Amino acid sequence: MFSMRLFANPAFKSAVTCSVDAQQTRNAASLKTLKARMRSFNNMKKITKSMKMVAASKLKKDEMRMLVGIPFVKPVQDLFARLPREDKPGTTIYFGVTSDKGLCGGVNSA
């Protein structure tokens, strides 16, 4: 009985009509936002693809530099292989070797 009086109320009818209109308008706006989101997704896909291409290029260059540097590394590896080793349990000492130049962030962070 209470609900029948509520539905008969003209203020309730206008509120229902208003919410339906707002919902339809909101759907139209959501189509615009959906298109914008799809566009931004496609742009991100393009950016990701180009970043992959750049990374592949850098990897290829680094592999070439590594292959070129192998003859210089081989004598140092032989030297370390000839050094006496003691496999004692206990504390391990690490000896770090880094560059001492100013703007070598890419070298030292690798």
Foldseek 3Di string as FASTA:
>chain_A
DVVVVQVVDVVNVVVVVVVVVVVVVVVVVVVVVVVVVVVVVVVVVVVVVVVVVVVVVVVVVVVVVVVVCVVVCVVVVVVVVPDDDDPDDDDDDDDDDDDDDDPVPVRVVD
